[in-house]
Amino acid sequence: MIKNRKVSKYSMLSFAQRFKSPVLRAFFPVIQYGWANIPLTLNLGVMAGSAGKRYGRYLGGSAEFIKSVADRYTSLGGEILYNSAVERVIEDSGKVVGVRLENGTEISANYVISDAYGYDTFMKMIDERHLTDRLRSMYSKPIDRMMMALHVSFGVNMDLSDKPNAISFFLDKPIEIAGDNCSIINVLNYSYDKKLAPKGKTSIKVMYDTYYSYWEELSKDQKKYEEEKAMIASRTIEAIERFIPGIGEAVEVTDVATPITTQRFTSNARGYGSKEDFRLRDTLKGFLNKPMTLKSLKNFFVIGHSIGGTNLYGCAAMGRNTIKGICKKERRNFTAS
């Protein structure tokens, strides 16, 4: 951060104006997921981490990564209860004593660590009296515009290993996607991962920003909801066809995941809070990867991306630091597995 202080004032968009090349001025702002207004320092951090081999992609995708974590956890004696959503955190005299599941089962615990979505944790699982004024304010203002929230994926009978892993296509004629006009198609090409498609075939994905309210309203009519998803898939592959001829006929699998899909599968829905809600000390605290605690509810910890966890490694560090803190309190040695 100290080394980057000279460029900390720039966004990707504003820094791009320093280039003489019109191509670079157009392309540079969107090389990071199409986010033109993010700080330049964030992009530099990602590039530095990649160059230093600290960042990478897990072969087999998130499913393989999750399985490896779950297998390691159970091999150490941990137990995972699947299909067992938590309904409420149980407390007694200002201290957590367990959780109650949606099926009514109660599980006793000396400590409770919530990695659930922030809104569910604070607004559904604990008593409102434990919330600070800031938390009440933050979760009373849902964000409608969601970044990278619409995922359009295809399995194609083509070998695209000669193409870059990420491609931005600038369209001469914008296409309409969920009520928005899109002039850039950002394609993720997973041909580098042989576990994601049979030999000679490729998985690709395009992500769009979208509005939660648009899909919330559309989902009330299942027929219209499915028709809109099919239309978006069709327009997306037609746009890619302009740059990769024949890909339309090569499509064998199509999947469109909307914000409603994500909410149904993961309980993660729309974001809450505005940019004005985030303070410098919150950013610095995020770099320290410390869990959130509540003064009036002892032995309760909140971790994860929705309360400041930075990417996968930051959220993992939050969990690790939580356990280290508990070990210290219990006067037990912390041993990494």
C-alpha atoms as a PDB file:
ATOM      1  CA  MET A   1       0.000   0.000   0.000  1.00  0.00           C
ATOM      2  CA  ILE A   2       2.889   2.355   0.772  1.00  0.00           C
ATOM      3  CA  LYS A   3       4.512   1.686  -2.603  1.00  0.00           C
ATOM      4  CA  ASN A   4       1.201   2.303  -4.369  1.00  0.00           C
ATOM      5  CA  ARG A   5       0.330   5.528  -2.570  1.00  0.00           C
ATOM      6  CA  LYS A   6       1.188   7.646  -5.630  1.00  0.00           C
ATOM      7  CA  VAL A   7      -1.553   6.000  -7.669  1.00  0.00           C
ATOM      8  CA  SER A   8      -4.052   5.490  -4.849  1.00  0.00           C
ATOM      9  CA  LYS A   9      -6.090   8.473  -6.052  1.00  0.00           C
ATOM     10  CA  TYR A  10      -6.800   6.834  -9.415  1.00  0.00           C
ATOM     11  CA  SER A  11      -9.635   4.573 -10.458  1.00  0.00           C
ATOM     12  CA  MET A  12      -9.090   2.190 -13.354  1.00  0.00           C
ATOM     13  CA  LEU A  13     -11.082   4.572 -15.560  1.00  0.00           C
ATOM     14  CA  SER A  14      -9.270   7.755 -14.586  1.00  0.00           C
ATOM     15  CA  PHE A  15      -5.822   6.165 -14.877  1.00  0.00           C
ATOM     16  CA  ALA A  16      -6.669   4.841 -18.350  1.00  0.00           C
ATOM     17  CA  GLN A  17      -6.967   8.410 -19.628  1.00  0.00           C
ATOM     18  CA  ARG A  18      -3.185   8.735 -19.249  1.00  0.00           C
ATOM     19  CA  PHE A  19      -2.611   6.326 -22.130  1.00  0.00           C
ATOM     20  CA  LYS A  20      -2.096   7.741 -25.621  1.00  0.00           C
ATOM     21  CA  SER A  21      -3.487   4.648 -27.314  1.00  0.00           C
ATOM     22  CA  PRO A  22      -7.291   4.785 -27.755  1.00  0.00           C
ATOM     23  CA  VAL A  23      -7.337   0.983 -27.540  1.00  0.00           C
ATOM     24  CA  LEU A  24      -5.651   1.017 -24.127  1.00  0.00           C
ATOM     25  CA  ARG A  25      -7.913   3.826 -22.920  1.00  0.00           C
ATOM     26  CA  ALA A  26     -10.925   1.687 -23.795  1.00  0.00           C
ATOM     27  CA  PHE A  27      -9.599  -1.673 -22.670  1.00  0.00           C
ATOM     28  CA  PHE A  28      -7.608  -0.932 -19.513  1.00  0.00           C
ATOM     29  CA  PRO A  29     -10.600   0.026 -17.299  1.00  0.00           C
ATOM     30  CA  VAL A  30     -12.362  -3.305 -17.904  1.00  0.00           C
ATOM     31  CA  ILE A  31      -9.516  -5.815 -17.507  1.00  0.00           C
ATOM     32  CA  GLN A  32     -10.634  -6.518 -13.912  1.00  0.00           C
ATOM     33  CA  TYR A  33     -14.089  -8.111 -14.375  1.00  0.00           C
ATOM     34  CA  GLY A  34     -15.244  -5.021 -16.254  1.00  0.00           C
ATOM     35  CA  TRP A  35     -15.025  -2.897 -13.094  1.00  0.00           C
ATOM     36  CA  ALA A  36     -14.077   0.511 -14.482  1.00  0.00           C
ATOM     37  CA  ASN A  37     -14.499   2.453 -11.248  1.00  0.00           C
ATOM     38  CA  ILE A  38     -12.556   0.282  -8.801  1.00  0.00           C
ATOM     39  CA  PRO A  39      -9.328   1.715  -7.306  1.00  0.00           C
ATOM     40  CA  LEU A  40      -6.239   1.107  -9.419  1.00  0.00           C
ATOM     41  CA  THR A  41      -4.453  -0.183  -6.304  1.00  0.00           C
ATOM     42  CA  LEU A  42      -6.869  -3.125  -6.108  1.00  0.00           C
ATOM     43  CA  ASN A  43      -5.976  -4.197  -9.631  1.00  0.00           C
ATOM     44  CA  LEU A  44      -2.253  -3.779  -8.911  1.00  0.00           C
ATOM     45  CA  GLY A  45      -2.658  -5.991  -5.839  1.00  0.00           C
ATOM     46  CA  VAL A  46      -4.255  -8.748  -7.901  1.00  0.00           C
ATOM     47  CA  MET A  47      -1.562  -8.567 -10.579  1.00  0.00           C
ATOM     48  CA  ALA A  48       1.228  -8.544  -7.984  1.00  0.00           C
ATOM     49  CA  GLY A  49      -0.305 -11.520  -6.171  1.00  0.00           C
ATOM     50  CA  SER A  50      -0.630 -13.434  -9.433  1.00  0.00           C
ATOM     51  CA  ALA A  51       2.942 -12.642 -10.473  1.00  0.00           C
ATOM     52  CA  GLY A  52       4.175 -13.770  -7.054  1.00  0.00           C
ATOM     53  CA  LYS A  53       2.259 -17.071  -7.375  1.00  0.00           C
ATOM     54  CA  ARG A  54       0.097 -16.202  -4.348  1.00  0.00           C
ATOM     55  CA  TYR A  55      -3.096 -16.226  -6.406  1.00  0.00           C
ATOM     56  CA  GLY A  56      -4.335 -18.881  -8.759  1.00  0.00           C
ATOM     57  CA  ARG A  57      -7.246 -21.027  -9.833  1.00  0.00           C
ATOM     58  CA  TYR A  58      -8.049 -24.365  -8.239  1.00  0.00           C
ATOM     59  CA  LEU A  59      -8.309 -27.151 -10.814  1.00  0.00           C
ATOM     60  CA  GLY A  60     -11.814 -28.549 -10.832  1.00  0.00           C
ATOM     61  CA  GLY A  61     -13.322 -25.266  -9.717  1.00  0.00           C
ATOM     62  CA  SER A  62     -15.071 -24.440  -6.465  1.00  0.00           C
ATOM     63  CA  ALA A  63     -16.624 -27.906  -6.121  1.00  0.00           C
ATOM     64  CA  GLU A  64     -13.211 -29.600  -5.966  1.00  0.00           C
ATOM     65  CA  PHE A  65     -11.888 -26.922  -3.610  1.00  0.00           C
ATOM     66  CA  ILE A  66     -14.855 -27.255  -1.232  1.00  0.00           C
ATOM     67  CA  LYS A  67     -14.552 -31.054  -1.247  1.00  0.00           C
ATOM     68  CA  SER A  68     -10.867 -30.853  -0.266  1.00  0.00           C
ATOM     69  CA  VAL A  69     -11.679 -28.571   2.678  1.00  0.00           C
ATOM     70  CA  ALA A  70     -14.594 -30.743   3.822  1.00  0.00           C
ATOM     71  CA  ASP A  71     -12.532 -33.927   3.555  1.00  0.00           C
ATOM     72  CA  ARG A  72      -9.708 -32.402   5.587  1.00  0.00           C
ATOM     73  CA  TYR A  73     -12.128 -31.153   8.234  1.00  0.00           C
ATOM     74  CA  THR A  74     -13.848 -34.519   8.681  1.00  0.00           C
ATOM     75  CA  SER A  75     -10.486 -36.333   8.727  1.00  0.00           C
ATOM     76  CA  LEU A  76      -9.572 -34.223  11.773  1.00  0.00           C
ATOM     77  CA  GLY A  77     -12.764 -35.287  13.571  1.00  0.00           C
ATOM     78  CA  GLY A  78     -15.089 -32.501  12.504  1.00  0.00           C
ATOM     79  CA  GLU A  79     -18.735 -33.184  11.739  1.00  0.00           C
ATOM     80  CA  ILE A  80     -20.784 -31.510   9.001  1.00  0.00           C
ATOM     81  CA  LEU A  81     -24.593 -31.460   9.158  1.00  0.00           C
ATOM     82  CA  TYR A  82     -25.937 -31.002   5.641  1.00  0.00           C
ATOM     83  CA  ASN A  83     -29.443 -29.711   4.858  1.00  0.00           C
ATOM     84  CA  SER A  84     -29.516 -28.256   8.372  1.00  0.00           C
ATOM     85  CA  ALA A  85     -30.078 -24.507   8.102  1.00  0.00           C
ATOM     86  CA  VAL A  86     -29.759 -22.511  11.335  1.00  0.00           C
ATOM     87  CA  GLU A  87     -32.884 -20.638  12.334  1.00  0.00           C
ATOM     88  CA  ARG A  88     -31.736 -18.975  15.561  1.00  0.00           C
ATOM     89  CA  VAL A  89     -28.718 -18.494  17.800  1.00  0.00           C
ATOM     90  CA  ILE A  90     -29.632 -19.563  21.354  1.00  0.00           C
ATOM     91  CA  GLU A  91     -28.385 -17.343  24.169  1.00  0.00           C
ATOM     92  CA  ASP A  92     -28.553 -17.267  27.946  1.00  0.00           C
ATOM     93  CA  SER A  93     -27.628 -14.271  30.117  1.00  0.00           C
ATOM     94  CA  GLY A  94     -25.873 -12.465  27.268  1.00  0.00           C
ATOM     95  CA  LYS A  95     -23.820 -15.466  26.127  1.00  0.00           C
ATOM     96  CA  VAL A  96     -24.401 -17.894  23.267  1.00  0.00           C
ATOM     97  CA  VAL A  97     -25.135 -21.466  24.302  1.00  0.00           C
ATOM     98  CA  GLY A  98     -25.955 -23.041  20.922  1.00  0.00           C
ATOM     99  CA  VAL A  99     -28.108 -22.883  17.813  1.00  0.00           C
ATOM    100  CA  ARG A 100     -31.590 -24.023  16.815  1.00  0.00           C
ATOM    101  CA  LEU A 101     -32.063 -25.504  13.345  1.00  0.00           C
ATOM    102  CA  GLU A 102     -35.079 -24.931  11.116  1.00  0.00           C
ATOM    103  CA  ASN A 103     -36.285 -28.470  11.886  1.00  0.00           C
ATOM    104  CA  GLY A 104     -36.401 -27.617  15.603  1.00  0.00           C
ATOM    105  CA  THR A 105     -33.223 -29.464  16.629  1.00  0.00           C
ATOM    106  CA  GLU A 106     -31.136 -27.605  19.204  1.00  0.00           C
ATOM    107  CA  ILE A 107     -27.358 -28.012  19.350  1.00  0.00           C
ATOM    108  CA  SER A 108     -25.422 -26.869  22.407  1.00  0.00           C
ATOM    109  CA  ALA A 109     -22.146 -24.975  21.943  1.00  0.00           C
ATOM    110  CA  ASN A 110     -19.627 -23.004  23.974  1.00  0.00           C
ATOM    111  CA  TYR A 111     -18.933 -20.762  20.992  1.00  0.00           C
ATOM    112  CA  VAL A 112     -20.851 -19.944  17.806  1.00  0.00           C
ATOM    113  CA  ILE A 113     -19.111 -18.696  14.652  1.00  0.00           C
ATOM    114  CA  SER A 114     -21.426 -17.475  11.893  1.00  0.00           C
ATOM    115  CA  ASP A 115     -20.178 -17.515   8.326  1.00  0.00           C
ATOM    116  CA  ALA A 116     -23.716 -17.068   7.058  1.00  0.00           C
ATOM    117  CA  TYR A 117     -24.701 -14.019   5.045  1.00  0.00           C
ATOM    118  CA  GLY A 118     -24.532 -10.850   7.139  1.00  0.00           C
ATOM    119  CA  TYR A 119     -28.210  -9.994   6.709  1.00  0.00           C
ATOM    120  CA  ASP A 120     -29.323 -13.446   7.826  1.00  0.00           C
ATOM    121  CA  THR A 121     -26.939 -13.406  10.788  1.00  0.00           C
ATOM    122  CA  PHE A 122     -27.883 -10.008  12.174  1.00  0.00           C
ATOM    123  CA  MET A 123     -31.526  -9.674  11.125  1.00  0.00           C
ATOM    124  CA  LYS A 124     -32.764 -13.260  11.523  1.00  0.00           C
ATOM    125  CA  MET A 125     -30.516 -15.320  13.796  1.00  0.00           C
ATOM    126  CA  ILE A 126     -29.884 -13.031  16.785  1.00  0.00           C
ATOM    127  CA  ASP A 127     -32.005 -10.694  18.886  1.00  0.00           C
ATOM    128  CA  GLU A 128     -32.276  -7.139  17.559  1.00  0.00           C
ATOM    129  CA  ARG A 129     -31.132  -5.637  20.854  1.00  0.00           C
ATOM    130  CA  HIS A 130     -27.583  -6.791  20.135  1.00  0.00           C
ATOM    131  CA  LEU A 131     -27.306  -4.692  16.975  1.00  0.00           C
ATOM    132  CA  THR A 132     -25.433  -1.415  16.894  1.00  0.00           C
ATOM    133  CA  ASP A 133     -27.070   1.636  15.320  1.00  0.00           C
ATOM    134  CA  ARG A 134     -24.669   1.284  12.418  1.00  0.00           C
ATOM    135  CA  LEU A 135     -25.669  -2.327  11.737  1.00  0.00           C
ATOM    136  CA  ARG A 136     -29.358  -1.371  11.871  1.00  0.00           C
ATOM    137  CA  SER A 137     -28.738   1.443   9.429  1.00  0.00           C
ATOM    138  CA  MET A 138     -26.650  -0.670   7.068  1.00  0.00           C
ATOM    139  CA  TYR A 139     -29.133  -3.531   6.792  1.00  0.00           C
ATOM    140  CA  SER A 140     -32.104  -1.240   6.299  1.00  0.00           C
ATOM    141  CA  LYS A 141     -30.785  -0.112   2.891  1.00  0.00           C
ATOM    142  CA  PRO A 142     -30.620  -2.931   0.337  1.00  0.00           C
ATOM    143  CA  ILE A 143     -28.462  -2.380  -2.753  1.00  0.00           C
ATOM    144  CA  ASP A 144     -30.367  -3.068  -5.939  1.00  0.00           C
ATOM    145  CA  ARG A 145     -27.528  -2.956  -8.467  1.00  0.00           C
ATOM    146  CA  MET A 146     -25.445  -6.126  -8.145  1.00  0.00           C
ATOM    147  CA  MET A 147     -22.023  -6.680  -9.721  1.00  0.00           C
ATOM    148  CA  MET A 148     -21.306  -9.974 -11.538  1.00  0.00           C
ATOM    149  CA  ALA A 149     -24.635 -11.324 -10.302  1.00  0.00           C
ATOM    150  CA  LEU A 150     -25.919 -12.790 -13.579  1.00  0.00           C
ATOM    151  CA  HIS A 151     -23.903 -15.818 -14.760  1.00  0.00           C
ATOM    152  CA  VAL A 152     -24.411 -17.218 -18.254  1.00  0.00           C
ATOM    153  CA  SER A 153     -22.485 -20.470 -18.805  1.00  0.00           C
ATOM    154  CA  PHE A 154     -22.047 -22.693 -21.828  1.00  0.00           C
ATOM    155  CA  GLY A 155     -20.512 -26.080 -22.528  1.00  0.00           C
ATOM    156  CA  VAL A 156     -19.317 -26.022 -26.131  1.00  0.00           C
ATOM    157  CA  ASN A 157     -18.057 -28.747 -28.415  1.00  0.00           C
ATOM    158  CA  MET A 158     -14.976 -26.726 -29.348  1.00  0.00           C
ATOM    159  CA  ASP A 159     -11.377 -26.690 -28.184  1.00  0.00           C
ATOM    160  CA  LEU A 160     -10.694 -23.068 -27.201  1.00  0.00           C
ATOM    161  CA  SER A 161      -7.273 -23.678 -25.673  1.00  0.00           C
ATOM    162  CA  ASP A 162      -5.750 -21.385 -28.314  1.00  0.00           C
ATOM    163  CA  LYS A 163      -7.785 -18.485 -26.905  1.00  0.00           C
ATOM    164  CA  PRO A 164      -6.896 -16.384 -23.814  1.00  0.00           C
ATOM    165  CA  ASN A 165      -8.367 -17.399 -20.435  1.00  0.00           C
ATOM    166  CA  ALA A 166     -10.238 -14.099 -20.278  1.00  0.00           C
ATOM    167  CA  ILE A 167     -11.450 -12.117 -23.285  1.00  0.00           C
ATOM    168  CA  SER A 168     -13.295  -8.786 -23.541  1.00  0.00           C
ATOM    169  CA  PHE A 169     -15.326  -8.371 -26.727  1.00  0.00           C
ATOM    170  CA  PHE A 170     -16.312  -4.783 -27.597  1.00  0.00           C
ATOM    171  CA  LEU A 171     -19.593  -4.906 -29.508  1.00  0.00           C
ATOM    172  CA  ASP A 172     -20.262  -2.491 -32.355  1.00  0.00           C
ATOM    173  CA  LYS A 173     -23.953  -2.854 -31.542  1.00  0.00           C
ATOM    174  CA  PRO A 174     -25.004  -3.198 -27.856  1.00  0.00           C
ATOM    175  CA  ILE A 175     -27.291  -6.027 -26.782  1.00  0.00           C
ATOM    176  CA  GLU A 176     -30.064  -5.831 -24.202  1.00  0.00           C
ATOM    177  CA  ILE A 177     -29.478  -7.985 -21.109  1.00  0.00           C
ATOM    178  CA  ALA A 178     -32.121  -7.912 -18.343  1.00  0.00           C
ATOM    179  CA  GLY A 179     -33.151  -4.372 -19.243  1.00  0.00           C
ATOM    180  CA  ASP A 180     -29.549  -3.101 -19.603  1.00  0.00           C
ATOM    181  CA  ASN A 181     -27.671  -2.202 -22.761  1.00  0.00           C
ATOM    182  CA  CYS A 182     -24.344  -4.077 -22.798  1.00  0.00           C
ATOM    183  CA  SER A 183     -21.564  -3.054 -25.169  1.00  0.00           C
ATOM    184  CA  ILE A 184     -18.836  -5.303 -23.715  1.00  0.00           C
ATOM    185  CA  ILE A 185     -18.930  -9.091 -23.313  1.00  0.00           C
ATOM    186  CA  ASN A 186     -16.372 -10.450 -20.825  1.00  0.00           C
ATOM    187  CA  VAL A 187     -15.804 -14.163 -21.478  1.00  0.00           C
ATOM    188  CA  LEU A 188     -14.087 -16.511 -19.043  1.00  0.00           C
ATOM    189  CA  ASN A 189     -12.528 -19.396 -20.960  1.00  0.00           C
ATOM    190  CA  TYR A 190     -11.930 -22.457 -18.750  1.00  0.00           C
ATOM    191  CA  SER A 191     -10.040 -24.476 -21.358  1.00  0.00           C
ATOM    192  CA  TYR A 192      -6.986 -24.511 -19.045  1.00  0.00           C
ATOM    193  CA  ASP A 193      -8.883 -26.764 -16.606  1.00  0.00           C
ATOM    194  CA  LYS A 194      -9.307 -30.239 -18.100  1.00  0.00           C
ATOM    195  CA  LYS A 195     -11.614 -31.240 -15.222  1.00  0.00           C
ATOM    196  CA  LEU A 196     -14.342 -28.835 -16.320  1.00  0.00           C
ATOM    197  CA  ALA A 197     -15.088 -30.337 -19.722  1.00  0.00           C
ATOM    198  CA  PRO A 198     -14.473 -33.536 -21.730  1.00  0.00           C
ATOM    199  CA  LYS A 199     -11.470 -33.636 -24.056  1.00  0.00           C
ATOM    200  CA  GLY A 200     -11.911 -31.374 -27.060  1.00  0.00           C
ATOM    201  CA  LYS A 201     -14.693 -29.409 -25.388  1.00  0.00           C
ATOM    202  CA  THR A 202     -14.711 -26.219 -23.294  1.00  0.00           C
ATOM    203  CA  SER A 203     -16.668 -24.518 -20.530  1.00  0.00           C
ATOM    204  CA  ILE A 204     -17.088 -20.746 -20.866  1.00  0.00           C
ATOM    205  CA  LYS A 205     -18.922 -18.165 -18.794  1.00  0.00           C
ATOM    206  CA  VAL A 206     -20.073 -14.571 -19.124  1.00  0.00           C
ATOM    207  CA  MET A 207     -21.012 -12.453 -16.101  1.00  0.00           C
ATOM    208  CA  TYR A 208     -23.206  -9.346 -16.116  1.00  0.00           C
ATOM    209  CA  ASP A 209     -24.095  -6.702 -13.570  1.00  0.00           C
ATOM    210  CA  THR A 210     -27.831  -6.677 -12.976  1.00  0.00           C
ATOM    211  CA  TYR A 211     -30.639  -5.473 -10.725  1.00  0.00           C
ATOM    212  CA  TYR A 212     -32.007  -7.701  -7.974  1.00  0.00           C
ATOM    213  CA  SER A 213     -35.457  -6.077  -8.207  1.00  0.00           C
ATOM    214  CA  TYR A 214     -35.670  -6.970 -11.915  1.00  0.00           C
ATOM    215  CA  TRP A 215     -35.288 -10.673 -11.207  1.00  0.00           C
ATOM    216  CA  GLU A 216     -37.315 -10.571  -8.010  1.00  0.00           C
ATOM    217  CA  GLU A 217     -40.309  -9.261  -9.944  1.00  0.00           C
ATOM    218  CA  LEU A 218     -39.756 -11.572 -12.929  1.00  0.00           C
ATOM    219  CA  SER A 219     -39.494 -14.666 -10.711  1.00  0.00           C
ATOM    220  CA  LYS A 220     -43.121 -14.210  -9.689  1.00  0.00           C
ATOM    221  CA  ASP A 221     -44.046 -15.605 -13.121  1.00  0.00           C
ATOM    222  CA  GLN A 222     -41.994 -18.774 -13.712  1.00  0.00           C
ATOM    223  CA  LYS A 223     -42.766 -18.868 -17.445  1.00  0.00           C
ATOM    224  CA  LYS A 224     -41.568 -15.289 -18.034  1.00  0.00           C
ATOM    225  CA  TYR A 225     -38.568 -15.894 -15.776  1.00  0.00           C
ATOM    226  CA  GLU A 226     -37.435 -18.910 -17.826  1.00  0.00           C
ATOM    227  CA  GLU A 227     -38.122 -17.129 -21.119  1.00  0.00           C
ATOM    228  CA  GLU A 228     -35.933 -14.194 -20.070  1.00  0.00           C
ATOM    229  CA  LYS A 229     -33.085 -16.523 -19.103  1.00  0.00           C
ATOM    230  CA  ALA A 230     -33.323 -18.292 -22.465  1.00  0.00           C
ATOM    231  CA  MET A 231     -33.335 -14.944 -24.297  1.00  0.00           C
ATOM    232  CA  ILE A 232     -30.212 -13.769 -22.428  1.00  0.00           C
ATOM    233  CA  ALA A 233     -28.380 -17.004 -23.222  1.00  0.00           C
ATOM    234  CA  SER A 234     -29.312 -16.664 -26.896  1.00  0.00           C
ATOM    235  CA  ARG A 235     -28.202 -13.028 -27.160  1.00  0.00           C
ATOM    236  CA  THR A 236     -24.956 -13.770 -25.338  1.00  0.00           C
ATOM    237  CA  ILE A 237     -23.888 -16.641 -27.575  1.00  0.00           C
ATOM    238  CA  GLU A 238     -24.921 -14.675 -30.684  1.00  0.00           C
ATOM    239  CA  ALA A 239     -22.636 -11.842 -29.562  1.00  0.00           C
ATOM    240  CA  ILE A 240     -19.727 -14.245 -28.999  1.00  0.00           C
ATOM    241  CA  GLU A 241     -20.408 -15.776 -32.417  1.00  0.00           C
ATOM    242  CA  ARG A 242     -19.300 -12.503 -34.017  1.00  0.00           C
ATOM    243  CA  PHE A 243     -15.782 -13.150 -32.692  1.00  0.00           C
ATOM    244  CA  ILE A 244     -15.695 -16.968 -32.547  1.00  0.00           C
ATOM    245  CA  PRO A 245     -17.592 -18.216 -35.627  1.00  0.00           C
ATOM    246  CA  GLY A 246     -19.414 -21.529 -35.219  1.00  0.00           C
ATOM    247  CA  ILE A 247     -19.640 -21.427 -31.430  1.00  0.00           C
ATOM    248  CA  GLY A 248     -23.417 -21.105 -31.490  1.00  0.00           C
ATOM    249  CA  GLU A 249     -23.885 -24.479 -33.175  1.00  0.00           C
ATOM    250  CA  ALA A 250     -21.309 -26.014 -30.813  1.00  0.00           C
ATOM    251  CA  VAL A 251     -23.283 -25.264 -27.629  1.00  0.00           C
ATOM    252  CA  GLU A 252     -24.250 -28.497 -25.850  1.00  0.00           C
ATOM    253  CA  VAL A 253     -24.995 -27.230 -22.316  1.00  0.00           C
ATOM    254  CA  THR A 254     -26.502 -23.914 -21.197  1.00  0.00           C
ATOM    255  CA  ASP A 255     -27.032 -22.591 -17.685  1.00  0.00           C
ATOM    256  CA  VAL A 256     -28.192 -19.147 -16.585  1.00  0.00           C
ATOM    257  CA  ALA A 257     -27.914 -18.295 -12.878  1.00  0.00           C
ATOM    258  CA  THR A 258     -29.680 -15.130 -11.704  1.00  0.00           C
ATOM    259  CA  PRO A 259     -29.514 -13.421  -8.288  1.00  0.00           C
ATOM    260  CA  ILE A 260     -32.598 -15.466  -7.386  1.00  0.00           C
ATOM    261  CA  THR A 261     -30.696 -18.665  -8.245  1.00  0.00           C
ATOM    262  CA  THR A 262     -27.810 -17.624  -5.996  1.00  0.00           C
ATOM    263  CA  GLN A 263     -30.197 -16.777  -3.174  1.00  0.00           C
ATOM    264  CA  ARG A 264     -31.940 -20.148  -3.459  1.00  0.00           C
ATOM    265  CA  PHE A 265     -28.726 -22.178  -3.436  1.00  0.00           C
ATOM    266  CA  THR A 266     -26.539 -20.183  -1.035  1.00  0.00           C
ATOM    267  CA  SER A 267     -28.813 -17.772   0.900  1.00  0.00           C
ATOM    268  CA  ASN A 268     -26.592 -14.943  -0.393  1.00  0.00           C
ATOM    269  CA  ALA A 269     -28.826 -12.324  -1.923  1.00  0.00           C
ATOM    270  CA  ARG A 270     -28.573  -8.587  -2.504  1.00  0.00           C
ATOM    271  CA  GLY A 271     -25.984  -6.478  -0.768  1.00  0.00           C
ATOM    272  CA  TYR A 272     -26.694  -3.988   2.002  1.00  0.00           C
ATOM    273  CA  GLY A 273     -25.188  -0.654   2.929  1.00  0.00           C
ATOM    274  CA  SER A 274     -23.804   2.087   0.690  1.00  0.00           C
ATOM    275  CA  LYS A 275     -20.280   3.315   0.082  1.00  0.00           C
ATOM    276  CA  GLU A 276     -20.917   6.012   2.687  1.00  0.00           C
ATOM    277  CA  ASP A 277     -21.347   3.313   5.337  1.00  0.00           C
ATOM    278  CA  PHE A 278     -17.776   2.081   4.953  1.00  0.00           C
ATOM    279  CA  ARG A 279     -15.080   3.876   6.918  1.00  0.00           C
ATOM    280  CA  LEU A 280     -11.295   3.828   6.646  1.00  0.00           C
ATOM    281  CA  ARG A 281     -10.989   1.861   9.869  1.00  0.00           C
ATOM    282  CA  ASP A 282     -13.307  -0.795   8.429  1.00  0.00           C
ATOM    283  CA  THR A 283     -10.973  -1.166   5.448  1.00  0.00           C
ATOM    284  CA  LEU A 284      -7.935  -1.444   7.705  1.00  0.00           C
ATOM    285  CA  LYS A 285      -9.755  -3.943   9.925  1.00  0.00           C
ATOM    286  CA  GLY A 286     -10.502  -5.984   6.822  1.00  0.00           C
ATOM    287  CA  PHE A 287      -6.778  -6.254   6.087  1.00  0.00           C
ATOM    288  CA  LEU A 288      -6.244  -7.608   9.619  1.00  0.00           C
ATOM    289  CA  ASN A 289      -8.810 -10.367   8.951  1.00  0.00           C
ATOM    290  CA  LYS A 290     -10.367 -10.108  12.393  1.00  0.00           C
ATOM    291  CA  PRO A 291     -13.848 -11.514  13.149  1.00  0.00           C
ATOM    292  CA  MET A 292     -16.685  -9.231  14.149  1.00  0.00           C
ATOM    293  CA  THR A 293     -17.916  -9.467  17.735  1.00  0.00           C
ATOM    294  CA  LEU A 294     -20.854  -7.891  19.577  1.00  0.00           C
ATOM    295  CA  LYS A 295     -20.396  -6.332  23.005  1.00  0.00           C
ATOM    296  CA  SER A 296     -23.701  -7.616  24.354  1.00  0.00           C
ATOM    297  CA  LEU A 297     -23.397 -11.204  23.072  1.00  0.00           C
ATOM    298  CA  LYS A 298     -20.373 -13.092  24.367  1.00  0.00           C
ATOM    299  CA  ASN A 299     -18.693 -16.018  22.589  1.00  0.00           C
ATOM    300  CA  PHE A 300     -20.343 -15.083  19.288  1.00  0.00           C
ATOM    301  CA  PHE A 301     -18.226 -14.367  16.202  1.00  0.00           C
ATOM    302  CA  VAL A 302     -19.174 -13.319  12.674  1.00  0.00           C
ATOM    303  CA  ILE A 303     -16.833 -13.924   9.729  1.00  0.00           C
ATOM    304  CA  GLY A 304     -17.038 -13.952   5.947  1.00  0.00           C
ATOM    305  CA  HIS A 305     -17.198 -11.736   2.896  1.00  0.00           C
ATOM    306  CA  SER A 306     -20.339  -9.836   3.896  1.00  0.00           C
ATOM    307  CA  ILE A 307     -18.697  -8.278   6.949  1.00  0.00           C
ATOM    308  CA  GLY A 308     -15.355  -7.377   5.403  1.00  0.00           C
ATOM    309  CA  GLY A 309     -13.572 -10.594   4.496  1.00  0.00           C
ATOM    310  CA  THR A 310     -11.314  -9.866   1.534  1.00  0.00           C
ATOM    311  CA  ASN A 311     -11.563 -12.641  -1.034  1.00  0.00           C
ATOM    312  CA  LEU A 312     -11.174 -16.322  -0.240  1.00  0.00           C
ATOM    313  CA  TYR A 313      -7.863 -16.074   1.607  1.00  0.00           C
ATOM    314  CA  GLY A 314      -9.153 -13.201   3.787  1.00  0.00           C
ATOM    315  CA  CYS A 315     -12.267 -15.116   4.828  1.00  0.00           C
ATOM    316  CA  ALA A 316     -10.162 -18.193   5.610  1.00  0.00           C
ATOM    317  CA  ALA A 317      -7.824 -16.033   7.703  1.00  0.00           C
ATOM    318  CA  MET A 318     -10.849 -14.661   9.579  1.00  0.00           C
ATOM    319  CA  GLY A 319     -11.815 -18.193  10.572  1.00  0.00           C
ATOM    320  CA  ARG A 320      -8.255 -19.062  11.528  1.00  0.00           C
ATOM    321  CA  ASN A 321      -7.893 -15.932  13.673  1.00  0.00           C
ATOM    322  CA  THR A 322     -11.197 -16.686  15.381  1.00  0.00           C
ATOM    323  CA  ILE A 323      -9.996 -20.141  16.415  1.00  0.00           C
ATOM    324  CA  LYS A 324      -6.657 -18.720  17.554  1.00  0.00           C
ATOM    325  CA  GLY A 325      -8.551 -16.261  19.758  1.00  0.00           C
ATOM    326  CA  ILE A 326     -10.701 -19.003  21.253  1.00  0.00           C
ATOM    327  CA  CYS A 327      -7.612 -21.135  21.941  1.00  0.00           C
ATOM    328  CA  LYS A 328      -5.991 -18.201  23.708  1.00  0.00           C
ATOM    329  CA  LYS A 329      -9.082 -17.651  25.827  1.00  0.00           C
ATOM    330  CA  GLU A 330      -9.222 -21.359  26.688  1.00  0.00           C
ATOM    331  CA  ARG A 331      -5.458 -21.376  27.351  1.00  0.00           C
ATOM    332  CA  ARG A 332      -4.872 -24.028  24.746  1.00  0.00           C
ATOM    333  CA  ASN A 333      -2.115 -24.152  22.149  1.00  0.00           C
ATOM    334  CA  PHE A 334      -3.173 -23.321  18.634  1.00  0.00           C
ATOM    335  CA  THR A 335      -1.813 -25.863  16.172  1.00  0.00           C
ATOM    336  CA  ALA A 336      -2.231 -25.456  12.431  1.00  0.00           C
ATOM    337  CA  SER A 337      -3.502 -28.590  10.661  1.00  0.00           C
END
